[in-house]
Amino acid sequence: MGFPQRMITTRRSRRDGATMLVVALLAAGLAGCGSLRGYSSVVVTPVAAPVSAAPAAPAAPPPGSSLATIIGRQLQSGHYAEGEQALRQYLQEHPGDRAARGMLRQLTADPEQWLGSRSRVHVVQPGESWSTLAGRYLGDANLFLILARYNHSTNPSLLRSGQTLRIPLSARGGSPTTGAVAADAPSVDPAPLAQSAVARANRLQDESVSLLDQGRTQQALARMDEALAADPRLQPTGAEAASLRSRLLDSYHEQAVVLYRDQQLDKAIALWNRVLAIAPDYEPAVAYRARALELKQRLKQY
């Protein structure tokens, strides 16, 4: 009987010890809860939310882009926002370029205030472009952009034969019967812009001939490109200038043919428009441009 009694005593001692341990742990827990009384918030480690990528901004034009490049690649293609950005960047580098300032004004001015609200109808004929119409009716082919915007065009490289346009009565030539000038025509005369563009074009043409005499043919062609962008109606001052002009027109046409074959029709048409603004009688451009416009119209039907 001695051994069982000792075993029972030992078990009771262990049980009592365990009970005391539980009581001690409960007391410690209650004390802990008492120290946190009044604080019910739970601290949560924040998880970083995935950051969505912002839409990519239009690529800025590379520094040093010429005015001719901005006009040909952006303004004539109807990329007005990018064109404005490019012009402002160009003017930071060339603050005295009045032709660029004039182009920026065409892009940002109210066409109705500039050209007047009264207008007459013109039906587009084969071979015509915004530049040729601006030269005929506004006295300056460089005013193609304000004329296109006057007609709510979002792509000055496109002009369909048979399309009906508005020609402002305040334009050169006025009304076909009375020659009247609109009473609400703007007070700002665009003639200084035209004069500055002509002067700049002549200077650039002289520089192109000088570069050709130095054997720098590519630079000469690039300078002639700028000259014709400033004034598409610029007339050659000699045989060398005429040769450069002819080579440049051929280059435009060849580039446009490649674009046409790749079915990049808008770009091809824009180049042919430029060719015809410089030389309205350039027959290959007239024929190919008509084909491109016809093909584009067919593609729209499918």
Foldseek 3Di string as FASTA:
>chain_A
DVVVVVVVVVVVVVVVVVVVVVVVVVVVVVVVVVVCPPDDDDDDDDDDDDDDDDPDDPDADDPPDAPLCLCQPALQFLNLVNSLRNLVSVCVVVVPQLLSVVLNCLSPPDLCQAQNDDWDKDFAAQLDFLLQVCCVWAVASLSSSSQCVSFVHSHRLDDDGRDMGTRGLQTPQHDVPPSDHDPSHHPDDCVVSLVSLLVQLVVLLVVLLVCVVVVNNVVSLVSNSSSCSSGLQDDDPDDSSVVSLVVNLVVLQVVLVVCVVVVVLSSSSSSLNSSCSNPSPPVVSSVVNNVSVVVVVVVVVD
